[in-house]
C-alpha atoms as a PDB file:
ATOM      1  CA  MET A   1      47.112  85.786 131.968  1.00  0.00           C
ATOM      2  CA  PRO A   2      49.524  86.432 134.988  1.00  0.00           C
ATOM      3  CA  ALA A   3      52.835  88.313 133.471  1.00  0.00           C
ATOM      4  CA  LYS A   4      55.941  86.223 132.833  1.00  0.00           C
ATOM      5  CA  ARG A   5      58.542  86.325 135.109  1.00  0.00           C
ATOM      6  CA  LYS A   6      61.892  87.984 133.898  1.00  0.00           C
ATOM      7  CA  SER A   7      65.325  86.688 135.055  1.00  0.00           C
ATOM      8  CA  ILE A   8      67.928  89.747 135.903  1.00  0.00           C
ATOM      9  CA  GLU A   9      71.428  89.135 135.771  1.00  0.00           C
ATOM     10  CA  ILE A  10      73.544  89.198 138.997  1.00  0.00           C
ATOM     11  CA  SER A  11      75.463  92.074 137.845  1.00  0.00           C
ATOM     12  CA  ILE A  12      72.307  94.275 137.913  1.00  0.00           C
ATOM     13  CA  LYS A  13      71.517  93.146 141.341  1.00  0.00           C
ATOM     14  CA  GLN A  14      75.195  93.866 142.403  1.00  0.00           C
ATOM     15  CA  GLN A  15      74.772  97.697 140.747  1.00  0.00           C
ATOM     16  CA  ALA A  16      71.688  97.959 142.742  1.00  0.00           C
ATOM     17  CA  ILE A  17      73.171  96.712 145.960  1.00  0.00           C
ATOM     18  CA  GLU A  18      76.297  99.079 145.588  1.00  0.00           C
ATOM     19  CA  TRP A  19      73.793 102.089 145.234  1.00  0.00           C
ATOM     20  CA  ILE A  20      71.754 101.070 148.208  1.00  0.00           C
ATOM     21  CA  ALA A  21      74.875 100.682 150.332  1.00  0.00           C
ATOM     22  CA  THR A  22      76.218 104.239 149.228  1.00  0.00           C
ATOM     23  CA  GLU A  23      73.676 106.836 147.912  1.00  0.00           C
ATOM     24  CA  GLY A  24      70.808 104.886 149.096  1.00  0.00           C
ATOM     25  CA  GLY A  25      72.050 104.860 152.843  1.00  0.00           C
ATOM     26  CA  GLY A  26      71.256 101.061 153.429  1.00  0.00           C
ATOM     27  CA  VAL A  27      67.779 101.768 152.766  1.00  0.00           C
ATOM     28  CA  PRO A  28      66.412  99.414 149.810  1.00  0.00           C
ATOM     29  CA  SER A  29      63.118 100.963 149.126  1.00  0.00           C
ATOM     30  CA  ARG A  30      64.715 104.336 148.037  1.00  0.00           C
ATOM     31  CA  ALA A  31      66.141 102.191 144.923  1.00  0.00           C
ATOM     32  CA  GLU A  32      63.010 101.857 143.238  1.00  0.00           C
ATOM     33  CA  ALA A  33      62.296 105.486 142.316  1.00  0.00           C
ATOM     34  CA  HIS A  34      66.223 106.062 141.256  1.00  0.00           C
ATOM     35  CA  PHE A  35      66.378 103.032 139.120  1.00  0.00           C
ATOM     36  CA  ARG A  36      62.813 103.755 137.611  1.00  0.00           C
ATOM     37  CA  LYS A  37      64.379 106.731 135.884  1.00  0.00           C
ATOM     38  CA  ARG A  38      66.883 104.487 134.667  1.00  0.00           C
ATOM     39  CA  GLY A  39      64.265 102.824 132.879  1.00  0.00           C
ATOM     40  CA  TRP A  40      64.250  99.730 135.387  1.00  0.00           C
ATOM     41  CA  ARG A  41      61.012  98.129 136.164  1.00  0.00           C
ATOM     42  CA  ILE A  42      61.594  96.720 139.223  1.00  0.00           C
ATOM     43  CA  THR A  43      59.370  96.685 142.139  1.00  0.00           C
ATOM     44  CA  ALA A  44      60.795  97.771 145.615  1.00  0.00           C
ATOM     45  CA  SER A  45      60.096  94.064 147.202  1.00  0.00           C
ATOM     46  CA  CYS A  46      63.066  92.800 144.746  1.00  0.00           C
ATOM     47  CA  PHE A  47      65.280  95.313 145.969  1.00  0.00           C
ATOM     48  CA  ARG A  48      64.691  94.621 149.607  1.00  0.00           C
ATOM     49  CA  GLN A  49      65.068  90.671 148.912  1.00  0.00           C
ATOM     50  CA  TRP A  50      68.667  91.591 146.988  1.00  0.00           C
ATOM     51  CA  TRP A  51      69.534  93.580 149.977  1.00  0.00           C
ATOM     52  CA  ARG A  52      68.978  90.672 152.428  1.00  0.00           C
ATOM     53  CA  ASP A  53      70.825  88.239 150.078  1.00  0.00           C
ATOM     54  CA  ARG A  54      73.748  90.791 149.342  1.00  0.00           C
ATOM     55  CA  ASP A  55      76.505  88.676 150.790  1.00  0.00           C
ATOM     56  CA  GLN A  56      75.639  85.926 148.367  1.00  0.00           C
ATOM     57  CA  ILE A  57      74.867  88.083 145.322  1.00  0.00           C
ATOM     58  CA  LEU A  58      78.244  90.129 145.653  1.00  0.00           C
ATOM     59  CA  ALA A  59      80.049  86.643 145.899  1.00  0.00           C
ATOM     60  CA  GLU A  60      78.406  85.254 142.833  1.00  0.00           C
ATOM     61  CA  HIS A  61      79.634  86.012 139.149  1.00  0.00           C
ATOM     62  CA  GLY A  62      77.933  88.959 137.397  1.00  0.00           C
ATOM     63  CA  ALA A  63      76.991  86.586 134.346  1.00  0.00           C
ATOM     64  CA  ARG A  64      74.709  84.160 136.516  1.00  0.00           C
ATOM     65  CA  ARG A  65      70.996  85.027 136.738  1.00  0.00           C
ATOM     66  CA  ARG A  66      70.638  83.411 139.958  1.00  0.00           C
ATOM     67  CA  ILE A  67      72.608  82.597 143.232  1.00  0.00           C
ATOM     68  CA  VAL A  68      73.521  78.887 144.227  1.00  0.00           C
ATOM     69  CA  GLY A  69      70.701  77.521 146.023  1.00  0.00           C
ATOM     70  CA  GLY A  70      68.328  80.313 144.637  1.00  0.00           C
ATOM     71  CA  GLY A  71      64.806  79.636 142.984  1.00  0.00           C
ATOM     72  CA  ARG A  72      61.746  78.050 144.085  1.00  0.00           C
ATOM     73  CA  ARG A  73      62.060  75.195 146.460  1.00  0.00           C
ATOM     74  CA  PRO A  74      59.902  71.868 145.496  1.00  0.00           C
ATOM     75  CA  LEU A  75      56.499  71.891 146.993  1.00  0.00           C
ATOM     76  CA  LEU A  76      56.348  68.534 148.033  1.00  0.00           C
ATOM     77  CA  GLY A  77      59.425  68.548 150.183  1.00  0.00           C
ATOM     78  CA  ALA A  78      60.250  64.962 151.781  1.00  0.00           C
ATOM     79  CA  VAL A  79      57.034  63.605 149.755  1.00  0.00           C
ATOM     80  CA  GLU A  80      58.806  63.917 146.582  1.00  0.00           C
ATOM     81  CA  ASP A  81      61.508  61.664 147.869  1.00  0.00           C
ATOM     82  CA  ALA A  82      58.879  59.072 148.878  1.00  0.00           C
ATOM     83  CA  LEU A  83      57.788  59.322 145.391  1.00  0.00           C
ATOM     84  CA  ILE A  84      61.252  59.027 143.605  1.00  0.00           C
ATOM     85  CA  ASP A  85      61.571  55.986 146.048  1.00  0.00           C
ATOM     86  CA  LEU A  86      58.416  54.147 144.473  1.00  0.00           C
ATOM     87  CA  VAL A  87      59.452  55.103 141.099  1.00  0.00           C
ATOM     88  CA  TYR A  88      62.511  53.194 141.672  1.00  0.00           C
ATOM     89  CA  GLU A  89      60.834  50.248 143.289  1.00  0.00           C
ATOM     90  CA  LYS A  90      58.532  49.879 140.399  1.00  0.00           C
ATOM     91  CA  ARG A  91      61.353  49.676 137.843  1.00  0.00           C
ATOM     92  CA  ILE A  92      63.397  47.007 140.229  1.00  0.00           C
ATOM     93  CA  ARG A  93      60.359  44.913 139.677  1.00  0.00           C
ATOM     94  CA  LYS A  94      60.259  45.791 135.983  1.00  0.00           C
ATOM     95  CA  GLU A  95      56.901  47.503 136.241  1.00  0.00           C
ATOM     96  CA  LYS A  96      56.132  50.297 133.779  1.00  0.00           C
ATOM     97  CA  VAL A  97      55.908  54.089 135.226  1.00  0.00           C
ATOM     98  CA  SER A  98      53.767  56.271 133.330  1.00  0.00           C
ATOM     99  CA  ARG A  99      53.560  59.897 133.491  1.00  0.00           C
ATOM    100  CA  SER A 100      49.873  59.749 134.471  1.00  0.00           C
ATOM    101  CA  TRP A 101      50.819  57.253 137.304  1.00  0.00           C
ATOM    102  CA  ILE A 102      53.455  59.636 138.858  1.00  0.00           C
ATOM    103  CA  ALA A 103      50.954  62.524 138.735  1.00  0.00           C
ATOM    104  CA  SER A 104      48.166  60.507 140.601  1.00  0.00           C
ATOM    105  CA  THR A 105      50.598  59.231 142.807  1.00  0.00           C
ATOM    106  CA  ALA A 106      52.043  62.462 143.722  1.00  0.00           C
ATOM    107  CA  ILE A 107      48.608  63.747 144.443  1.00  0.00           C
ATOM    108  CA  GLN A 108      47.746  60.903 146.826  1.00  0.00           C
ATOM    109  CA  LEU A 109      50.991  60.973 148.595  1.00  0.00           C
ATOM    110  CA  PHE A 110      50.587  65.080 148.949  1.00  0.00           C
ATOM    111  CA  GLN A 111      47.104  64.418 150.244  1.00  0.00           C
ATOM    112  CA  ALA A 112      47.973  61.815 152.851  1.00  0.00           C
ATOM    113  CA  SER A 113      51.113  63.996 154.220  1.00  0.00           C
ATOM    114  CA  ARG A 114      48.834  66.898 155.514  1.00  0.00           C
ATOM    115  CA  THR A 115      46.245  66.945 158.167  1.00  0.00           C
ATOM    116  CA  GLU A 116      42.914  68.552 158.358  1.00  0.00           C
ATOM    117  CA  GLU A 117      44.359  71.121 160.422  1.00  0.00           C
ATOM    118  CA  GLU A 118      47.193  71.777 158.332  1.00  0.00           C
ATOM    119  CA  GLN A 119      44.847  72.040 155.279  1.00  0.00           C
ATOM    120  CA  GLU A 120      42.400  74.260 156.847  1.00  0.00           C
ATOM    121  CA  GLU A 121      45.451  76.493 157.933  1.00  0.00           C
ATOM    122  CA  ASP A 122      47.485  76.908 154.471  1.00  0.00           C
ATOM    123  CA  PRO A 123      45.296  75.100 152.012  1.00  0.00           C
ATOM    124  CA  ILE A 124      47.595  74.457 149.111  1.00  0.00           C
ATOM    125  CA  ARG A 125      45.990  73.294 145.768  1.00  0.00           C
ATOM    126  CA  PHE A 126      48.387  70.802 144.027  1.00  0.00           C
ATOM    127  CA  VAL A 127      46.967  69.238 141.106  1.00  0.00           C
ATOM    128  CA  ALA A 128      50.347  67.472 139.637  1.00  0.00           C
ATOM    129  CA  SER A 129      50.124  69.305 136.199  1.00  0.00           C
ATOM    130  CA  ASP A 130      52.338  68.303 133.320  1.00  0.00           C
ATOM    131  CA  SER A 131      54.614  71.063 133.728  1.00  0.00           C
ATOM    132  CA  TRP A 132      55.228  69.981 137.462  1.00  0.00           C
ATOM    133  CA  VAL A 133      55.615  66.072 136.219  1.00  0.00           C
ATOM    134  CA  HIS A 134      58.341  67.214 133.621  1.00  0.00           C
ATOM    135  CA  ASN A 135      60.263  69.472 136.249  1.00  0.00           C
ATOM    136  CA  PHE A 136      60.255  66.619 138.858  1.00  0.00           C
ATOM    137  CA  MET A 137      61.617  63.908 135.971  1.00  0.00           C
ATOM    138  CA  ALA A 138      63.986  66.474 135.185  1.00  0.00           C
ATOM    139  CA  ARG A 139      65.101  67.327 138.976  1.00  0.00           C
ATOM    140  CA  ASN A 140      65.361  63.251 139.655  1.00  0.00           C
ATOM    141  CA  ASN A 141      67.213  62.682 136.081  1.00  0.00           C
ATOM    142  CA  LEU A 142      64.311  60.487 134.941  1.00  0.00           C
ATOM    143  CA  THR A 143      63.212  60.282 131.352  1.00  0.00           C
ATOM    144  CA  LEU A 144      60.308  58.600 129.317  1.00  0.00           C
ATOM    145  CA  ARG A 145      62.303  55.372 127.582  1.00  0.00           C
ATOM    146  CA  LYS A 146      60.950  52.922 125.394  1.00  0.00           C
ATOM    147  CA  ARG A 147      61.641  49.173 125.996  1.00  0.00           C
ATOM    148  CA  THR A 148      65.055  47.885 124.508  1.00  0.00           C
ATOM    149  CA  ASN A 149      65.626  45.417 122.004  1.00  0.00           C
ATOM    150  CA  LEU A 150      64.218  46.861 119.429  1.00  0.00           C
ATOM    151  CA  THR A 151      66.040  47.127 115.876  1.00  0.00           C
ATOM    152  CA  THR A 152      65.601  50.869 114.033  1.00  0.00           C
ATOM    153  CA  LEU A 153      66.695  51.986 110.894  1.00  0.00           C
ATOM    154  CA  THR A 154      69.682  54.652 110.843  1.00  0.00           C
ATOM    155  CA  ASP A 155      68.640  58.414 110.260  1.00  0.00           C
ATOM    156  CA  ASP A 156      70.325  58.158 106.546  1.00  0.00           C
ATOM    157  CA  VAL A 157      68.614  55.007 105.421  1.00  0.00           C
ATOM    158  CA  LEU A 158      65.283  55.982 106.688  1.00  0.00           C
ATOM    159  CA  VAL A 159      65.665  59.668 105.080  1.00  0.00           C
ATOM    160  CA  ASP A 160      66.375  58.146 101.696  1.00  0.00           C
ATOM    161  CA  ARG A 161      63.768  55.622 101.635  1.00  0.00           C
ATOM    162  CA  ALA A 162      61.209  58.377 102.570  1.00  0.00           C
ATOM    163  CA  VAL A 163      62.471  60.627  99.908  1.00  0.00           C
ATOM    164  CA  ALA A 164      62.399  57.828  97.297  1.00  0.00           C
ATOM    165  CA  PHE A 165      58.749  56.753  98.370  1.00  0.00           C
ATOM    166  CA  MET A 166      57.566  60.463  97.976  1.00  0.00           C
ATOM    167  CA  LYS A 167      59.080  61.137  94.790  1.00  0.00           C
ATOM    168  CA  PHE A 168      57.478  57.701  93.489  1.00  0.00           C
ATOM    169  CA  LEU A 169      53.862  59.309  94.747  1.00  0.00           C
ATOM    170  CA  GLU A 170      54.632  62.511  93.033  1.00  0.00           C
ATOM    171  CA  ASP A 171      55.146  60.817  89.895  1.00  0.00           C
ATOM    172  CA  HIS A 172      52.072  58.749  90.000  1.00  0.00           C
ATOM    173  CA  LYS A 173      49.533  61.044  91.837  1.00  0.00           C
ATOM    174  CA  PRO A 174      48.176  62.595  88.426  1.00  0.00           C
ATOM    175  CA  GLN A 175      46.934  59.122  87.550  1.00  0.00           C
ATOM    176  CA  MET A 176      45.680  57.908  90.515  1.00  0.00           C
ATOM    177  CA  ASN A 177      41.622  57.289  91.257  1.00  0.00           C
ATOM    178  CA  HIS A 178      41.381  58.557  94.667  1.00  0.00           C
ATOM    179  CA  GLU A 179      38.268  56.682  95.355  1.00  0.00           C
ATOM    180  CA  ARG A 180      40.162  53.167  94.188  1.00  0.00           C
ATOM    181  CA  THR A 181      43.463  54.194  95.930  1.00  0.00           C
ATOM    182  CA  ILE A 182      43.718  52.537  99.414  1.00  0.00           C
ATOM    183  CA  LEU A 183      46.207  53.011 101.930  1.00  0.00           C
ATOM    184  CA  MET A 184      46.514  49.736 103.889  1.00  0.00           C
ATOM    185  CA  ASP A 185      48.431  48.254 106.820  1.00  0.00           C
ATOM    186  CA  GLU A 186      48.612  45.569 109.487  1.00  0.00           C
ATOM    187  CA  THR A 187      48.849  45.829 113.224  1.00  0.00           C
ATOM    188  CA  ALA A 188      48.824  43.725 116.092  1.00  0.00           C
ATOM    189  CA  VAL A 189      46.310  44.156 118.951  1.00  0.00           C
ATOM    190  CA  TYR A 190      47.439  42.416 122.252  1.00  0.00           C
ATOM    191  CA  PHE A 191      45.468  41.272 124.889  1.00  0.00           C
ATOM    192  CA  GLU A 192      48.072  42.905 127.399  1.00  0.00           C
ATOM    193  CA  ASP A 193      49.061  46.615 127.099  1.00  0.00           C
ATOM    194  CA  ALA A 194      51.943  46.317 124.860  1.00  0.00           C
ATOM    195  CA  ARG A 195      53.294  49.908 124.942  1.00  0.00           C
ATOM    196  CA  PRO A 196      56.929  49.739 125.617  1.00  0.00           C
ATOM    197  CA  TYR A 197      57.418  53.222 127.290  1.00  0.00           C
ATOM    198  CA  THR A 198      58.040  53.700 130.846  1.00  0.00           C
ATOM    199  CA  VAL A 199      59.567  56.185 132.970  1.00  0.00           C
ATOM    200  CA  ASP A 200      63.367  55.239 133.794  1.00  0.00           C
ATOM    201  CA  GLU A 201      66.804  56.646 134.794  1.00  0.00           C
ATOM    202  CA  ILE A 202      68.571  58.775 131.997  1.00  0.00           C
ATOM    203  CA  GLY A 203      71.450  56.752 130.253  1.00  0.00           C
ATOM    204  CA  ALA A 204      69.790  53.258 131.661  1.00  0.00           C
ATOM    205  CA  ARG A 205      71.303  50.731 129.446  1.00  0.00           C
ATOM    206  CA  HIS A 206      68.681  47.754 129.887  1.00  0.00           C
ATOM    207  CA  VAL A 207      64.978  48.841 130.289  1.00  0.00           C
ATOM    208  CA  VAL A 208      63.097  46.152 131.153  1.00  0.00           C
ATOM    209  CA  VAL A 209      59.257  45.943 131.519  1.00  0.00           C
ATOM    210  CA  ARG A 210      57.683  42.680 133.385  1.00  0.00           C
ATOM    211  CA  SER A 211      54.774  40.966 131.843  1.00  0.00           C
ATOM    212  CA  THR A 212      51.908  39.380 133.075  1.00  0.00           C
ATOM    213  CA  GLY A 213      52.483  36.227 130.470  1.00  0.00           C
ATOM    214  CA  PHE A 214      49.413  37.565 128.153  1.00  0.00           C
ATOM    215  CA  ALA A 215      51.916  39.556 126.034  1.00  0.00           C
ATOM    216  CA  SER A 216      51.950  37.055 122.951  1.00  0.00           C
ATOM    217  CA  MET A 217      48.057  36.751 122.987  1.00  0.00           C
ATOM    218  CA  ARG A 218      46.918  38.701 119.969  1.00  0.00           C
ATOM    219  CA  ILE A 219      44.716  39.215 117.191  1.00  0.00           C
ATOM    220  CA  THR A 220      45.702  41.107 113.725  1.00  0.00           C
ATOM    221  CA  VAL A 221      43.996  44.026 112.208  1.00  0.00           C
ATOM    222  CA  MET A 222      44.218  45.222 108.951  1.00  0.00           C
ATOM    223  CA  LEU A 223      43.100  48.861 108.805  1.00  0.00           C
ATOM    224  CA  ALA A 224      42.524  50.775 105.231  1.00  0.00           C
ATOM    225  CA  VAL A 225      41.475  54.197 104.116  1.00  0.00           C
ATOM    226  CA  THR A 226      41.154  55.482 100.603  1.00  0.00           C
ATOM    227  CA  ALA A 227      43.191  58.152  99.223  1.00  0.00           C
ATOM    228  CA  SER A 228      39.877  60.328  99.181  1.00  0.00           C
ATOM    229  CA  GLY A 229      39.855  59.873 103.060  1.00  0.00           C
ATOM    230  CA  LYS A 230      37.043  57.443 103.387  1.00  0.00           C
ATOM    231  CA  LYS A 231      37.939  54.819 106.080  1.00  0.00           C
ATOM    232  CA  LEU A 232      37.228  51.047 105.062  1.00  0.00           C
ATOM    233  CA  PRO A 233      35.514  48.475 107.355  1.00  0.00           C
ATOM    234  CA  PRO A 234      38.521  47.170 109.426  1.00  0.00           C
ATOM    235  CA  CYS A 235      39.396  43.426 108.853  1.00  0.00           C
ATOM    236  CA  ILE A 236      40.125  41.405 112.199  1.00  0.00           C
ATOM    237  CA  ILE A 237      42.195  38.052 111.867  1.00  0.00           C
ATOM    238  CA  TRP A 238      41.414  35.580 114.677  1.00  0.00           C
ATOM    239  CA  LYS A 239      43.463  32.336 115.318  1.00  0.00           C
ATOM    240  CA  ARG A 240      42.069  28.960 114.140  1.00  0.00           C
ATOM    241  CA  LYS A 241      43.441  25.814 112.698  1.00  0.00           C
ATOM    242  CA  THR A 242      40.737  25.895 109.570  1.00  0.00           C
ATOM    243  CA  ARG A 243      40.938  28.759 107.403  1.00  0.00           C
ATOM    244  CA  GLY A 244      37.989  30.817 106.383  1.00  0.00           C
ATOM    245  CA  SER A 245      36.842  33.306 103.659  1.00  0.00           C
ATOM    246  CA  ILE A 246      36.709  36.891 105.013  1.00  0.00           C
ATOM    247  CA  GLU A 247      33.113  37.282 106.481  1.00  0.00           C
ATOM    248  CA  ARG A 248      31.146  40.555 107.195  1.00  0.00           C
ATOM    249  CA  LEU A 249      29.985  40.510 110.962  1.00  0.00           C
ATOM    250  CA  GLY A 250      28.921  43.663 112.214  1.00  0.00           C
ATOM    251  CA  GLY A 251      30.752  46.600 111.105  1.00  0.00           C
ATOM    252  CA  CYS A 252      33.865  44.667 110.287  1.00  0.00           C
ATOM    253  CA  ASN A 253      35.230  42.249 108.305  1.00  0.00           C
ATOM    254  CA  VAL A 254      36.379  38.860 109.944  1.00  0.00           C
ATOM    255  CA  ALA A 255      39.067  36.374 108.791  1.00  0.00           C
ATOM    256  CA  TYR A 256      40.343  33.216 110.610  1.00  0.00           C
ATOM    257  CA  GLN A 257      44.264  32.064 109.979  1.00  0.00           C
ATOM    258  CA  PRO A 258      46.023  29.424 111.983  1.00  0.00           C
ATOM    259  CA  ARG A 259      48.709  31.865 113.207  1.00  0.00           C
ATOM    260  CA  ALA A 260      46.474  35.224 113.313  1.00  0.00           C
ATOM    261  CA  TRP A 261      48.470  37.004 110.820  1.00  0.00           C
ATOM    262  CA  VAL A 262      48.703  38.184 107.321  1.00  0.00           C
ATOM    263  CA  ASP A 263      49.798  35.822 104.542  1.00  0.00           C
ATOM    264  CA  GLN A 264      49.583  35.568 100.669  1.00  0.00           C
ATOM    265  CA  ASP A 265      46.578  33.552 100.578  1.00  0.00           C
ATOM    266  CA  LEU A 266      44.678  36.127 103.248  1.00  0.00           C
ATOM    267  CA  LEU A 267      45.884  38.943 100.869  1.00  0.00           C
ATOM    268  CA  LEU A 268      44.360  37.399  97.685  1.00  0.00           C
ATOM    269  CA  ASN A 269      40.890  37.151  99.503  1.00  0.00           C
ATOM    270  CA  TRP A 270      41.328  40.714 101.094  1.00  0.00           C
ATOM    271  CA  LEU A 271      42.066  41.960  97.594  1.00  0.00           C
ATOM    272  CA  ASP A 272      38.884  40.065  95.957  1.00  0.00           C
ATOM    273  CA  TRP A 273      37.073  41.596  98.740  1.00  0.00           C
ATOM    274  CA  TYR A 274      38.384  45.226  98.593  1.00  0.00           C
ATOM    275  CA  TYR A 275      39.002  45.370  94.793  1.00  0.00           C
ATOM    276  CA  PRO A 276      35.684  43.285  93.466  1.00  0.00           C
ATOM    277  CA  ALA A 277      35.687  42.899  89.365  1.00  0.00           C
ATOM    278  CA  VAL A 278      32.285  44.855  89.015  1.00  0.00           C
ATOM    279  CA  LEU A 279      34.156  48.145  90.465  1.00  0.00           C
ATOM    280  CA  GLN A 280      37.379  47.777  88.585  1.00  0.00           C
ATOM    281  CA  SER A 281      38.450  51.039  87.095  1.00  0.00           C
ATOM    282  CA  THR A 282      41.614  52.864  85.619  1.00  0.00           C
ATOM    283  CA  GLY A 283      43.671  54.729  88.233  1.00  0.00           C
ATOM    284  CA  GLN A 284      43.648  51.860  91.130  1.00  0.00           C
ATOM    285  CA  TYR A 285      46.435  51.536  93.365  1.00  0.00           C
ATOM    286  CA  ILE A 286      47.238  49.950  96.690  1.00  0.00           C
ATOM    287  CA  VAL A 287      49.696  51.972  98.953  1.00  0.00           C
ATOM    288  CA  TRP A 288      51.529  49.339 101.652  1.00  0.00           C
ATOM    289  CA  ASP A 289      54.784  48.727 103.005  1.00  0.00           C
ATOM    290  CA  SER A 290      57.247  46.181 101.787  1.00  0.00           C
ATOM    291  CA  MET A 291      56.108  43.181 103.880  1.00  0.00           C
ATOM    292  CA  ARG A 292      57.009  39.799 102.689  1.00  0.00           C
ATOM    293  CA  ALA A 293      53.525  38.669 101.915  1.00  0.00           C
ATOM    294  CA  HIS A 294      52.630  42.085 100.221  1.00  0.00           C
ATOM    295  CA  ILE A 295      55.638  41.645  97.616  1.00  0.00           C
ATOM    296  CA  GLY A 296      54.963  38.027  96.868  1.00  0.00           C
ATOM    297  CA  GLN A 297      54.686  36.767  93.630  1.00  0.00           C
ATOM    298  CA  ARG A 298      51.076  35.550  93.850  1.00  0.00           C
ATOM    299  CA  VAL A 299      50.003  39.076  95.308  1.00  0.00           C
ATOM    300  CA  LYS A 300      51.798  40.850  92.272  1.00  0.00           C
ATOM    301  CA  GLN A 301      50.003  38.473  89.537  1.00  0.00           C
ATOM    302  CA  ARG A 302      46.598  39.113  91.118  1.00  0.00           C
ATOM    303  CA  CYS A 303      47.202  42.948  91.208  1.00  0.00           C
ATOM    304  CA  GLY A 304      48.325  42.830  88.065  1.00  0.00           C
ATOM    305  CA  GLU A 305      44.956  40.894  86.993  1.00  0.00           C
ATOM    306  CA  LYS A 306      42.898  43.509  88.703  1.00  0.00           C
ATOM    307  CA  ALA A 307      44.951  46.343  87.187  1.00  0.00           C
ATOM    308  CA  ILE A 308      45.982  47.531  90.729  1.00  0.00           C
ATOM    309  CA  LYS A 309      49.245  49.248  90.890  1.00  0.00           C
ATOM    310  CA  MET A 310      51.214  48.692  93.997  1.00  0.00           C
ATOM    311  CA  ALA A 311      53.179  51.760  95.934  1.00  0.00           C
END
């Protein structure tokens, strides 16, 4: 593993330049042996570079670590300008821009910008690593943004609710039967990529992502796992005018509902399926969120009949 580069303050560089100009007789290579005795671990090439840039270094403030305009230049050069133009063009069209897209496009542009002769004379291996993408976004004032129009809880409310929930769990954990304690939640699975994240300019007030029109087409999946870590078969809810009881299909359970979402009728069927009367025991819990159907009166009544406590 290569050694980590260590930056050096301008004030130290200025001391070295002054010594080279006086006692060193204007020969920067002499500084290596002199300053090694003082505990400096600096190569002769660094002293030569500082001597070449002495006018700029002496003009800088001593607390800085790099002269203005110093540092490694971007590898792509003009190609990077073309890449940022493509990013803005996609965002103008309200299309999503991902980090992986930036990496793959950068590689394509870099390869297209070099001729075979240039590649043979000066072979450069450019892979558009995660760190390169991060630095590219930082140089061009870009960040990963989430599509706007979503309402979120404040930090204070979120912390209060999390603390109250964890306290409730800690109080009831001794009575829980881990094999009969189920954690369940529903999630929508869209036919179109529903991820709301895209690369956009830092501080942009509106972040809009264009849709193909299939964003509203979805199914609902009910996922469940026991407190012991056993994954239960998922329940897939399809849209159909006529309802149907939960059926076993392959490794999944399937249900039909006019709106393809979870309501109290479906939850009653789900409770009967996952908490059958023949397996009823003490210490049964169901852990889910406070969605309206979860805390409906009929659902609470069914949980009481089956001796299931809700968390």
